[in-house]
PDB file of N, CA and C in Angstrom:
ATOM      1  N   UNK A   1     135.876  33.913  82.524  1.00  0.00           N
ATOM      2  CA  UNK A   1     136.222  33.459  83.867  1.00  0.00           C
ATOM      3  C   UNK A   1     135.260  34.294  84.791  1.00  0.00           C
ATOM      4  N   UNK A   2     134.591  33.821  85.886  1.00  0.00           N
ATOM      5  CA  UNK A   2     133.993  34.575  86.758  1.00  0.00           C
ATOM      6  C   UNK A   2     134.756  35.407  87.873  1.00  0.00           C
ATOM      7  N   UNK A   3     134.234  36.600  88.225  1.00  0.00           N
ATOM      8  CA  UNK A   3     135.181  37.754  88.697  1.00  0.00           C
ATOM      9  C   UNK A   3     135.646  37.222  89.985  1.00  0.00           C
ATOM     10  N   UNK A   4     134.807  36.279  90.763  1.00  0.00           N
ATOM     11  CA  UNK A   4     134.971  35.517  91.883  1.00  0.00           C
ATOM     12  C   UNK A   4     136.169  34.545  92.040  1.00  0.00           C
ATOM     13  N   UNK A   5     136.012  33.873  90.672  1.00  0.00           N
ATOM     14  CA  UNK A   5     137.202  32.715  90.502  1.00  0.00           C
ATOM     15  C   UNK A   5     138.361  33.497  90.445  1.00  0.00           C
ATOM     16  N   UNK A   6     138.773  34.477  89.688  1.00  0.00           N
ATOM     17  CA  UNK A   6     139.817  35.454  89.631  1.00  0.00           C
ATOM     18  C   UNK A   6     140.473  35.855  90.419  1.00  0.00           C
ATOM     19  N   UNK A   7     139.200  36.674  91.572  1.00  0.00           N
ATOM     20  CA  UNK A   7     139.708  36.925  92.834  1.00  0.00           C
ATOM     21  C   UNK A   7     140.528  35.702  93.783  1.00  0.00           C
ATOM     22  N   UNK A   8     139.646  34.706  93.733  1.00  0.00           N
ATOM     23  CA  UNK A   8     140.755  33.532  94.016  1.00  0.00           C
ATOM     24  C   UNK A   8     141.880  33.348  93.855  1.00  0.00           C
ATOM     25  N   UNK A   9     142.351  33.615  92.632  1.00  0.00           N
ATOM     26  CA  UNK A   9     143.551  33.261  91.949  1.00  0.00           C
ATOM     27  C   UNK A   9     144.672  34.205  92.253  1.00  0.00           C
ATOM     28  N   UNK A  10     144.399  35.387  92.950  1.00  0.00           N
ATOM     29  CA  UNK A  10     144.948  36.774  93.106  1.00  0.00           C
ATOM     30  C   UNK A  10     145.062  36.720  94.502  1.00  0.00           C
ATOM     31  N   UNK A  11     145.429  35.803  95.293  1.00  0.00           N
ATOM     32  CA  UNK A  11     145.597  35.570  96.595  1.00  0.00           C
ATOM     33  C   UNK A  11     147.052  35.451  96.967  1.00  0.00           C
ATOM     34  N   UNK A  12     147.987  35.571  96.039  1.00  0.00           N
ATOM     35  CA  UNK A  12     149.511  35.693  96.363  1.00  0.00           C
ATOM     36  C   UNK A  12     149.955  36.473  97.376  1.00  0.00           C
ATOM     37  N   UNK A  13     151.484  36.082  97.391  1.00  0.00           N
ATOM     38  CA  UNK A  13     151.984  36.870  98.433  1.00  0.00           C
ATOM     39  C   UNK A  13     152.919  37.762  97.379  1.00  0.00           C
ATOM     40  N   UNK A  14     152.958  37.848  95.975  1.00  0.00           N
ATOM     41  CA  UNK A  14     153.850  38.609  95.345  1.00  0.00           C
ATOM     42  C   UNK A  14     153.676  39.858  95.236  1.00  0.00           C
ATOM     43  N   UNK A  15     154.151  40.941  94.935  1.00  0.00           N
ATOM     44  CA  UNK A  15     153.968  42.262  94.964  1.00  0.00           C
ATOM     45  C   UNK A  15     152.763  42.603  94.286  1.00  0.00           C
ATOM     46  N   UNK A  16     152.917  42.226  92.953  1.00  0.00           N
ATOM     47  CA  UNK A  16     151.778  42.583  91.936  1.00  0.00           C
ATOM     48  C   UNK A  16     150.234  42.088  92.229  1.00  0.00           C
ATOM     49  N   UNK A  17     149.978  41.024  92.717  1.00  0.00           N
ATOM     50  CA  UNK A  17     148.825  40.249  93.058  1.00  0.00           C
ATOM     51  C   UNK A  17     147.498  41.166  94.181  1.00  0.00           C
ATOM     52  N   UNK A  18     148.345  41.485  95.077  1.00  0.00           N
ATOM     53  CA  UNK A  18     147.286  42.347  96.141  1.00  0.00           C
ATOM     54  C   UNK A  18     146.834  43.526  95.086  1.00  0.00           C
ATOM     55  N   UNK A  19     147.636  44.155  94.450  1.00  0.00           N
ATOM     56  CA  UNK A  19     147.415  45.441  93.625  1.00  0.00           C
ATOM     57  C   UNK A  19     146.439  45.159  92.833  1.00  0.00           C
ATOM     58  N   UNK A  20     146.389  43.872  91.908  1.00  0.00           N
ATOM     59  CA  UNK A  20     145.771  43.343  90.976  1.00  0.00           C
ATOM     60  C   UNK A  20     144.202  43.055  91.704  1.00  0.00           C
ATOM     61  N   UNK A  21     144.131  42.524  92.706  1.00  0.00           N
ATOM     62  CA  UNK A  21     143.183  42.309  93.498  1.00  0.00           C
ATOM     63  C   UNK A  21     142.205  43.132  93.855  1.00  0.00           C
ATOM     64  N   UNK A  22     142.936  44.119  94.393  1.00  0.00           N
ATOM     65  CA  UNK A  22     142.429  45.410  94.964  1.00  0.00           C
ATOM     66  C   UNK A  22     141.630  46.149  93.622  1.00  0.00           C
ATOM     67  N   UNK A  23     142.306  46.580  92.402  1.00  0.00           N
ATOM     68  CA  UNK A  23     141.660  47.142  91.634  1.00  0.00           C
ATOM     69  C   UNK A  23     140.391  45.953  91.061  1.00  0.00           C
ATOM     70  N   UNK A  24     140.406  44.689  91.094  1.00  0.00           N
ATOM     71  CA  UNK A  24     139.040  44.280  90.644  1.00  0.00           C
ATOM     72  C   UNK A  24     138.262  44.104  91.619  1.00  0.00           C
ATOM     73  N   UNK A  25     138.691  44.257  92.953  1.00  0.00           N
ATOM     74  CA  UNK A  25     137.418  44.260  94.033  1.00  0.00           C
ATOM     75  C   UNK A  25     136.773  45.762  93.751  1.00  0.00           C
ATOM     76  N   UNK A  26     137.714  46.916  93.330  1.00  0.00           N
ATOM     77  CA  UNK A  26     137.146  47.972  93.135  1.00  0.00           C
ATOM     78  C   UNK A  26     136.464  48.339  91.556  1.00  0.00           C
ATOM     79  N   UNK A  27     136.183  47.265  90.949  1.00  0.00           N
ATOM     80  CA  UNK A  27     135.290  47.465  90.013  1.00  0.00           C
ATOM     81  C   UNK A  27     136.017  47.316  88.680  1.00  0.00           C
ATOM     82  N   UNK A  28     137.317  47.402  88.420  1.00  0.00           N
ATOM     83  CA  UNK A  28     137.938  47.203  87.371  1.00  0.00           C
ATOM     84  C   UNK A  28     137.439  46.341  86.375  1.00  0.00           C
ATOM     85  N   UNK A  29     137.965  46.739  85.192  1.00  0.00           N
ATOM     86  CA  UNK A  29     137.473  45.713  83.940  1.00  0.00           C
ATOM     87  C   UNK A  29     138.054  44.602  83.878  1.00  0.00           C
ATOM     88  N   UNK A  30     137.805  43.460  83.461  1.00  0.00           N
ATOM     89  CA  UNK A  30     138.922  42.187  83.220  1.00  0.00           C
ATOM     90  C   UNK A  30     138.663  41.615  81.803  1.00  0.00           C
ATOM     91  N   UNK A  31     139.609  40.609  81.545  1.00  0.00           N
ATOM     92  CA  UNK A  31     139.441  39.813  80.401  1.00  0.00           C
ATOM     93  C   UNK A  31     140.400  38.453  80.675  1.00  0.00           C
ATOM     94  N   UNK A  32     139.948  37.438  80.451  1.00  0.00           N
ATOM     95  CA  UNK A  32     140.850  36.232  80.427  1.00  0.00           C
ATOM     96  C   UNK A  32     140.346  35.691  79.099  1.00  0.00           C
ATOM     97  N   UNK A  33     141.573  35.659  78.264  1.00  0.00           N
ATOM     98  CA  UNK A  33     141.332  35.261  76.818  1.00  0.00           C
ATOM     99  C   UNK A  33     141.409  33.772  76.545  1.00  0.00           C
ATOM    100  N   UNK A  34     140.723  33.152  75.650  1.00  0.00           N
ATOM    101  CA  UNK A  34     140.815  31.910  75.198  1.00  0.00           C
ATOM    102  C   UNK A  34     142.231  31.626  74.631  1.00  0.00           C
ATOM    103  N   UNK A  35     142.655  30.502  74.620  1.00  0.00           N
ATOM    104  CA  UNK A  35     143.695  30.155  73.993  1.00  0.00           C
ATOM    105  C   UNK A  35     144.941  30.488  74.740  1.00  0.00           C
ATOM    106  N   UNK A  36     146.158  29.985  74.367  1.00  0.00           N
ATOM    107  CA  UNK A  36     147.384  29.854  74.948  1.00  0.00           C
ATOM    108  C   UNK A  36     148.476  30.464  74.265  1.00  0.00           C
ATOM    109  N   UNK A  37     149.427  30.914  74.881  1.00  0.00           N
ATOM    110  CA  UNK A  37     150.589  31.093  74.117  1.00  0.00           C
ATOM    111  C   UNK A  37     151.910  30.577  74.912  1.00  0.00           C
ATOM    112  N   UNK A  38     152.968  30.404  73.955  1.00  0.00           N
ATOM    113  CA  UNK A  38     154.209  29.739  74.594  1.00  0.00           C
ATOM    114  C   UNK A  38     154.600  30.769  75.565  1.00  0.00           C
ATOM    115  N   UNK A  39     155.172  29.883  76.958  1.00  0.00           N
ATOM    116  CA  UNK A  39     155.877  30.729  78.125  1.00  0.00           C
ATOM    117  C   UNK A  39     157.040  31.357  77.803  1.00  0.00           C
ATOM    118  N   UNK A  40     157.912  30.708  76.686  1.00  0.00           N
ATOM    119  CA  UNK A  40     159.086  31.038  76.249  1.00  0.00           C
ATOM    120  C   UNK A  40     159.081  32.390  75.347  1.00  0.00           C
ATOM    121  N   UNK A  41     157.818  32.295  74.420  1.00  0.00           N
ATOM    122  CA  UNK A  41     157.792  33.615  73.984  1.00  0.00           C
ATOM    123  C   UNK A  41     157.551  34.804  74.692  1.00  0.00           C
ATOM    124  N   UNK A  42     156.406  34.464  75.605  1.00  0.00           N
ATOM    125  CA  UNK A  42     155.976  35.667  76.470  1.00  0.00           C
ATOM    126  C   UNK A  42     157.143  35.959  77.628  1.00  0.00           C
ATOM    127  N   UNK A  43     158.166  35.065  77.892  1.00  0.00           N
ATOM    128  CA  UNK A  43     159.243  35.688  78.531  1.00  0.00           C
ATOM    129  C   UNK A  43     160.160  36.692  77.497  1.00  0.00           C
ATOM    130  N   UNK A  44     160.301  36.112  76.387  1.00  0.00           N
ATOM    131  CA  UNK A  44     161.142  37.125  75.645  1.00  0.00           C
ATOM    132  C   UNK A  44     160.287  38.444  75.374  1.00  0.00           C
ATOM    133  N   UNK A  45     158.809  38.641  75.189  1.00  0.00           N
ATOM    134  CA  UNK A  45     158.280  39.910  74.907  1.00  0.00           C
ATOM    135  C   UNK A  45     158.426  40.552  76.304  1.00  0.00           C
ATOM    136  N   UNK A  46     158.027  40.060  77.376  1.00  0.00           N
ATOM    137  CA  UNK A  46     157.726  40.601  78.314  1.00  0.00           C
ATOM    138  C   UNK A  46     159.512  40.954  78.976  1.00  0.00           C
ATOM    139  N   UNK A  47     160.436  40.204  78.845  1.00  0.00           N
ATOM    140  CA  UNK A  47     161.648  40.545  78.746  1.00  0.00           C
ATOM    141  C   UNK A  47     162.040  42.052  78.424  1.00  0.00           C
ATOM    142  N   UNK A  48     161.634  42.209  77.060  1.00  0.00           N
ATOM    143  CA  UNK A  48     161.569  43.347  76.245  1.00  0.00           C
ATOM    144  C   UNK A  48     161.289  44.586  77.057  1.00  0.00           C
ATOM    145  N   UNK A  49     160.226  44.404  77.158  1.00  0.00           N
ATOM    146  CA  UNK A  49     158.935  45.182  78.045  1.00  0.00           C
ATOM    147  C   UNK A  49     159.712  45.703  78.878  1.00  0.00           C
ATOM    148  N   UNK A  50     160.030  45.122  79.850  1.00  0.00           N
ATOM    149  CA  UNK A  50     160.908  45.494  81.384  1.00  0.00           C
ATOM    150  C   UNK A  50     161.968  45.938  80.603  1.00  0.00           C
ATOM    151  N   UNK A  51     162.917  45.923  80.177  1.00  0.00           N
ATOM    152  CA  UNK A  51     163.937  46.683  79.652  1.00  0.00           C
ATOM    153  C   UNK A  51     163.652  48.028  79.422  1.00  0.00           C
ATOM    154  N   UNK A  52     162.694  47.998  78.437  1.00  0.00           N
ATOM    155  CA  UNK A  52     161.690  49.475  77.848  1.00  0.00           C
ATOM    156  C   UNK A  52     161.161  50.022  79.081  1.00  0.00           C
ATOM    157  N   UNK A  53     160.818  49.498  80.144  1.00  0.00           N
ATOM    158  CA  UNK A  53     160.011  50.311  81.487  1.00  0.00           C
ATOM    159  C   UNK A  53     161.215  50.953  82.008  1.00  0.00           C
ATOM    160  N   UNK A  54     162.096  49.999  82.133  1.00  0.00           N
ATOM    161  CA  UNK A  54     163.351  50.548  82.864  1.00  0.00           C
ATOM    162  C   UNK A  54     163.862  51.961  82.411  1.00  0.00           C
ATOM    163  N   UNK A  55     164.450  51.707  81.114  1.00  0.00           N
ATOM    164  CA  UNK A  55     164.959  52.831  80.176  1.00  0.00           C
ATOM    165  C   UNK A  55     164.021  53.955  80.481  1.00  0.00           C
ATOM    166  N   UNK A  56     162.460  54.017  80.520  1.00  0.00           N
ATOM    167  CA  UNK A  56     161.774  55.083  80.231  1.00  0.00           C
ATOM    168  C   UNK A  56     161.190  55.420  81.790  1.00  0.00           C
ATOM    169  N   UNK A  57     161.855  54.751  82.613  1.00  0.00           N
ATOM    170  CA  UNK A  57     161.393  55.088  84.367  1.00  0.00           C
ATOM    171  C   UNK A  57     159.878  54.867  84.290  1.00  0.00           C
ATOM    172  N   UNK A  58     159.409  53.894  83.779  1.00  0.00           N
ATOM    173  CA  UNK A  58     157.791  53.600  83.891  1.00  0.00           C
ATOM    174  C   UNK A  58     157.702  52.436  85.153  1.00  0.00           C
ATOM    175  N   UNK A  59     156.796  53.104  85.946  1.00  0.00           N
ATOM    176  CA  UNK A  59     156.330  52.203  87.272  1.00  0.00           C
ATOM    177  C   UNK A  59     156.021  51.075  86.829  1.00  0.00           C
ATOM    178  N   UNK A  60     156.512  49.790  87.420  1.00  0.00           N
ATOM    179  CA  UNK A  60     156.061  48.435  87.069  1.00  0.00           C
ATOM    180  C   UNK A  60     155.855  47.551  88.345  1.00  0.00           C
ATOM    181  N   UNK A  61     155.176  46.681  88.771  1.00  0.00           N
ATOM    182  CA  UNK A  61     155.333  45.871  89.797  1.00  0.00           C
ATOM    183  C   UNK A  61     155.327  44.476  89.268  1.00  0.00           C
ATOM    184  N   UNK A  62     155.906  44.063  89.696  1.00  0.00           N
ATOM    185  CA  UNK A  62     156.072  42.283  89.427  1.00  0.00           C
ATOM    186  C   UNK A  62     156.610  41.945  88.003  1.00  0.00           C
ATOM    187  N   UNK A  63     157.111  42.807  87.339  1.00  0.00           N
ATOM    188  CA  UNK A  63     157.392  42.484  85.671  1.00  0.00           C
ATOM    189  C   UNK A  63     158.647  41.799  85.489  1.00  0.00           C
ATOM    190  N   UNK A  64     159.889  41.990  86.474  1.00  0.00           N
ATOM    191  CA  UNK A  64     160.761  41.101  86.503  1.00  0.00           C
ATOM    192  C   UNK A  64     160.788  39.709  87.186  1.00  0.00           C
ATOM    193  N   UNK A  65     160.061  39.679  87.966  1.00  0.00           N
ATOM    194  CA  UNK A  65     159.507  38.235  88.721  1.00  0.00           C
ATOM    195  C   UNK A  65     158.881  37.256  87.400  1.00  0.00           C
ATOM    196  N   UNK A  66     157.821  37.892  87.023  1.00  0.00           N
ATOM    197  CA  UNK A  66     156.916  37.660  85.710  1.00  0.00           C
ATOM    198  C   UNK A  66     157.942  36.736  84.569  1.00  0.00           C
ATOM    199  N   UNK A  67     158.919  37.768  84.423  1.00  0.00           N
ATOM    200  CA  UNK A  67     159.633  37.429  83.125  1.00  0.00           C
ATOM    201  C   UNK A  67     160.673  36.007  83.721  1.00  0.00           C
ATOM    202  N   UNK A  68     160.936  35.939  85.179  1.00  0.00           N
ATOM    203  CA  UNK A  68     161.756  34.897  85.575  1.00  0.00           C
ATOM    204  C   UNK A  68     160.714  33.768  85.605  1.00  0.00           C
ATOM    205  N   UNK A  69     159.693  33.913  85.904  1.00  0.00           N
ATOM    206  CA  UNK A  69     158.754  32.580  85.986  1.00  0.00           C
ATOM    207  C   UNK A  69     158.389  32.039  84.788  1.00  0.00           C
ATOM    208  N   UNK A  70     158.112  33.043  83.721  1.00  0.00           N
ATOM    209  CA  UNK A  70     157.706  32.756  82.429  1.00  0.00           C
ATOM    210  C   UNK A  70     158.837  31.759  81.751  1.00  0.00           C
ATOM    211  N   UNK A  71     159.836  32.174  81.913  1.00  0.00           N
ATOM    212  CA  UNK A  71     161.411  31.813  81.436  1.00  0.00           C
ATOM    213  C   UNK A  71     161.464  30.177  82.095  1.00  0.00           C
ATOM    214  N   UNK A  72     160.982  29.976  83.150  1.00  0.00           N
ATOM    215  CA  UNK A  72     161.212  28.340  83.465  1.00  0.00           C
ATOM    216  C   UNK A  72     159.754  27.728  83.352  1.00  0.00           C
ATOM    217  N   UNK A  73     158.958  28.228  83.292  1.00  0.00           N
ATOM    218  CA  UNK A  73     157.641  27.416  83.205  1.00  0.00           C
ATOM    219  C   UNK A  73     157.530  26.315  82.457  1.00  0.00           C
ATOM    220  N   UNK A  74     157.702  26.645  80.904  1.00  0.00           N
ATOM    221  CA  UNK A  74     157.813  25.495  79.819  1.00  0.00           C
ATOM    222  C   UNK A  74     156.617  24.845  79.261  1.00  0.00           C
ATOM    223  N   UNK A  75     155.448  25.194  79.723  1.00  0.00           N
ATOM    224  CA  UNK A  75     154.438  24.920  79.496  1.00  0.00           C
ATOM    225  C   UNK A  75     153.381  26.371  78.782  1.00  0.00           C
ATOM    226  N   UNK A  76     152.221  26.170  77.974  1.00  0.00           N
ATOM    227  CA  UNK A  76     151.666  26.853  77.553  1.00  0.00           C
ATOM    228  C   UNK A  76     151.026  28.038  78.637  1.00  0.00           C
ATOM    229  N   UNK A  77     150.669  28.891  78.176  1.00  0.00           N
ATOM    230  CA  UNK A  77     150.251  29.987  79.481  1.00  0.00           C
ATOM    231  C   UNK A  77     149.113  31.049  78.682  1.00  0.00           C
ATOM    232  N   UNK A  78     147.954  30.860  79.375  1.00  0.00           N
ATOM    233  CA  UNK A  78     146.791  31.561  79.178  1.00  0.00           C
ATOM    234  C   UNK A  78     147.011  33.041  79.641  1.00  0.00           C
ATOM    235  N   UNK A  79     146.473  34.170  79.160  1.00  0.00           N
ATOM    236  CA  UNK A  79     146.691  35.702  79.442  1.00  0.00           C
ATOM    237  C   UNK A  79     145.286  35.775  79.632  1.00  0.00           C
ATOM    238  N   UNK A  80     145.279  36.933  80.804  1.00  0.00           N
ATOM    239  CA  UNK A  80     144.510  37.778  81.305  1.00  0.00           C
ATOM    240  C   UNK A  80     144.703  39.275  81.482  1.00  0.00           C
ATOM    241  N   UNK A  81     143.698  40.080  81.795  1.00  0.00           N
ATOM    242  CA  UNK A  81     144.208  41.525  81.802  1.00  0.00           C
ATOM    243  C   UNK A  81     143.023  42.165  82.968  1.00  0.00           C
ATOM    244  N   UNK A  82     143.697  43.070  83.704  1.00  0.00           N
ATOM    245  CA  UNK A  82     142.635  43.571  84.685  1.00  0.00           C
ATOM    246  C   UNK A  82     143.189  45.040  84.415  1.00  0.00           C
ATOM    247  N   UNK A  83     142.197  45.976  84.172  1.00  0.00           N
ATOM    248  CA  UNK A  83     142.441  47.399  83.712  1.00  0.00           C
ATOM    249  C   UNK A  83     141.864  48.247  85.086  1.00  0.00           C
ATOM    250  N   UNK A  84     142.409  48.833  85.860  1.00  0.00           N
ATOM    251  CA  UNK A  84     141.872  49.798  86.953  1.00  0.00           C
ATOM    252  C   UNK A  84     140.920  50.773  86.429  1.00  0.00           C
ATOM    253  N   UNK A  85     139.757  51.036  87.354  1.00  0.00           N
ATOM    254  CA  UNK A  85     138.906  52.076  86.884  1.00  0.00           C
ATOM    255  C   UNK A  85     139.248  53.223  86.629  1.00  0.00           C
ATOM    256  N   UNK A  86     140.437  53.750  87.058  1.00  0.00           N
ATOM    257  CA  UNK A  86     140.830  55.153  86.784  1.00  0.00           C
ATOM    258  C   UNK A  86     141.746  54.921  85.702  1.00  0.00           C
ATOM    259  N   UNK A  87     142.058  53.835  85.227  1.00  0.00           N
ATOM    260  CA  UNK A  87     142.875  53.653  83.998  1.00  0.00           C
ATOM    261  C   UNK A  87     144.494  53.864  84.296  1.00  0.00           C
ATOM    262  N   UNK A  88     144.733  53.802  85.834  1.00  0.00           N
ATOM    263  CA  UNK A  88     145.950  54.403  86.226  1.00  0.00           C
ATOM    264  C   UNK A  88     146.715  53.200  86.011  1.00  0.00           C
ATOM    265  N   UNK A  89     146.528  51.914  86.163  1.00  0.00           N
ATOM    266  CA  UNK A  89     147.394  50.492  86.196  1.00  0.00           C
ATOM    267  C   UNK A  89     146.746  49.451  85.300  1.00  0.00           C
ATOM    268  N   UNK A  90     147.336  48.919  84.694  1.00  0.00           N
ATOM    269  CA  UNK A  90     146.954  47.637  83.686  1.00  0.00           C
ATOM    270  C   UNK A  90     147.839  46.500  84.259  1.00  0.00           C
ATOM    271  N   UNK A  91     147.029  45.247  84.827  1.00  0.00           N
ATOM    272  CA  UNK A  91     147.821  44.151  85.295  1.00  0.00           C
ATOM    273  C   UNK A  91     147.883  43.045  84.221  1.00  0.00           C
ATOM    274  N   UNK A  92     148.913  42.497  83.878  1.00  0.00           N
ATOM    275  CA  UNK A  92     148.487  41.133  83.149  1.00  0.00           C
ATOM    276  C   UNK A  92     148.967  39.902  84.146  1.00  0.00           C
ATOM    277  N   UNK A  93     147.989  38.983  83.724  1.00  0.00           N
ATOM    278  CA  UNK A  93     147.727  37.715  84.331  1.00  0.00           C
ATOM    279  C   UNK A  93     148.354  36.710  83.467  1.00  0.00           C
ATOM    280  N   UNK A  94     149.257  36.088  83.880  1.00  0.00           N
ATOM    281  CA  UNK A  94     149.691  34.851  83.410  1.00  0.00           C
ATOM    282  C   UNK A  94     148.981  33.420  84.035  1.00  0.00           C
ATOM    283  N   UNK A  95     148.560  32.942  83.575  1.00  0.00           N
ATOM    284  CA  UNK A  95     147.616  31.487  83.880  1.00  0.00           C
ATOM    285  C   UNK A  95     148.060  30.470  83.571  1.00  0.00           C
ATOM    286  N   UNK A  96     148.018  29.165  84.233  1.00  0.00           N
ATOM    287  CA  UNK A  96     147.951  27.695  83.642  1.00  0.00           C
ATOM    288  C   UNK A  96     147.003  27.392  82.246  1.00  0.00           C
ATOM    289  N   UNK A  97     147.504  26.805  81.893  1.00  0.00           N
ATOM    290  CA  UNK A  97     146.642  26.418  80.598  1.00  0.00           C
ATOM    291  C   UNK A  97     145.149  26.276  80.706  1.00  0.00           C
ATOM    292  N   UNK A  98     144.806  25.718  81.730  1.00  0.00           N
ATOM    293  CA  UNK A  98     143.510  25.536  81.967  1.00  0.00           C
ATOM    294  C   UNK A  98     142.559  26.973  82.925  1.00  0.00           C
ATOM    295  N   UNK A  99     143.697  27.835  83.422  1.00  0.00           N
ATOM    296  CA  UNK A  99     143.309  28.619  83.880  1.00  0.00           C
ATOM    297  C   UNK A  99     143.158  28.761  85.397  1.00  0.00           C
ATOM    298  N   UNK A 100     143.505  27.211  85.978  1.00  0.00           N
ATOM    299  CA  UNK A 100     143.144  27.333  87.466  1.00  0.00           C
ATOM    300  C   UNK A 100     144.345  27.932  88.375  1.00  0.00           C
ATOM    301  N   UNK A 101     145.418  28.124  87.912  1.00  0.00           N
ATOM    302  CA  UNK A 101     146.565  28.771  88.823  1.00  0.00           C
ATOM    303  C   UNK A 101     146.847  29.729  88.122  1.00  0.00           C
ATOM    304  N   UNK A 102     147.281  30.835  89.109  1.00  0.00           N
ATOM    305  CA  UNK A 102     147.915  32.126  88.567  1.00  0.00           C
ATOM    306  C   UNK A 102     149.320  31.890  88.729  1.00  0.00           C
ATOM    307  N   UNK A 103     150.132  31.874  87.526  1.00  0.00           N
ATOM    308  CA  UNK A 103     151.689  31.699  87.556  1.00  0.00           C
ATOM    309  C   UNK A 103     152.347  33.129  87.803  1.00  0.00           C
ATOM    310  N   UNK A 104     151.702  33.978  87.240  1.00  0.00           N
ATOM    311  CA  UNK A 104     152.674  35.408  87.691  1.00  0.00           C
ATOM    312  C   UNK A 104     151.689  36.660  87.183  1.00  0.00           C
ATOM    313  N   UNK A 105     151.710  37.603  87.902  1.00  0.00           N
ATOM    314  CA  UNK A 105     151.106  38.816  87.771  1.00  0.00           C
ATOM    315  C   UNK A 105     151.916  39.774  87.839  1.00  0.00           C
ATOM    316  N   UNK A 106     151.498  40.944  86.780  1.00  0.00           N
ATOM    317  CA  UNK A 106     152.718  41.978  86.769  1.00  0.00           C
ATOM    318  C   UNK A 106     151.573  43.307  86.087  1.00  0.00           C
ATOM    319  N   UNK A 107     152.158  44.394  86.842  1.00  0.00           N
ATOM    320  CA  UNK A 107     151.492  45.424  86.520  1.00  0.00           C
ATOM    321  C   UNK A 107     152.013  46.850  85.884  1.00  0.00           C
ATOM    322  N   UNK A 108     151.455  47.321  84.875  1.00  0.00           N
ATOM    323  CA  UNK A 108     152.289  48.819  84.482  1.00  0.00           C
ATOM    324  C   UNK A 108     151.509  49.746  84.798  1.00  0.00           C
ATOM    325  N   UNK A 109     151.996  51.040  85.115  1.00  0.00           N
ATOM    326  CA  UNK A 109     151.299  52.206  85.392  1.00  0.00           C
ATOM    327  C   UNK A 109     151.279  53.133  84.074  1.00  0.00           C
ATOM    328  N   UNK A 110     150.045  53.432  83.811  1.00  0.00           N
ATOM    329  CA  UNK A 110     149.717  54.269  82.425  1.00  0.00           C
ATOM    330  C   UNK A 110     149.981  55.443  82.497  1.00  0.00           C
ATOM    331  N   UNK A 111     150.226  55.951  81.552  1.00  0.00           N
ATOM    332  CA  UNK A 111     150.722  57.579  81.378  1.00  0.00           C
ATOM    333  C   UNK A 111     149.438  58.235  81.705  1.00  0.00           C
ATOM    334  N   UNK A 112     149.443  59.235  82.558  1.00  0.00           N
ATOM    335  CA  UNK A 112     148.192  60.177  82.800  1.00  0.00           C
ATOM    336  C   UNK A 112     148.027  60.963  81.236  1.00  0.00           C
ATOM    337  N   UNK A 113     146.715  61.370  81.402  1.00  0.00           N
ATOM    338  CA  UNK A 113     146.226  61.875  80.355  1.00  0.00           C
ATOM    339  C   UNK A 113     145.900  63.401  80.770  1.00  0.00           C
ATOM    340  N   UNK A 114     146.499  63.823  81.567  1.00  0.00           N
ATOM    341  CA  UNK A 114     146.028  65.216  82.062  1.00  0.00           C
ATOM    342  C   UNK A 114     147.060  65.754  81.496  1.00  0.00           C
ATOM    343  N   UNK A 115     146.298  67.205  80.813  1.00  0.00           N
ATOM    344  CA  UNK A 115     147.363  68.025  80.394  1.00  0.00           C
ATOM    345  C   UNK A 115     147.746  69.224  81.233  1.00  0.00           C
TER     346      UNK A 115
END
């Protein structure tokens, strides 16, 4: 997927998409993988991640919303990822099967590597 196409998909009014778009425009690396996964499986996986991040007080954006949307989606989902240039945030993108629509976006702050 071309960077400009991905930028067009990240124009939502949710809390995570603008941050992911800013990271992408700031030179972040990204990937959109071939193939799909079950929305139900992803809802369960990311539901566990949500509980983990809450327990560990890890900053997230849009994770609870993504879990809810995936649980209701019922169709295969294509995955993508954006990694901020400084490595501070990783955003997961949940796309429609053909990659033409952003279903949900979530970000997780990464632990600092400073000692």
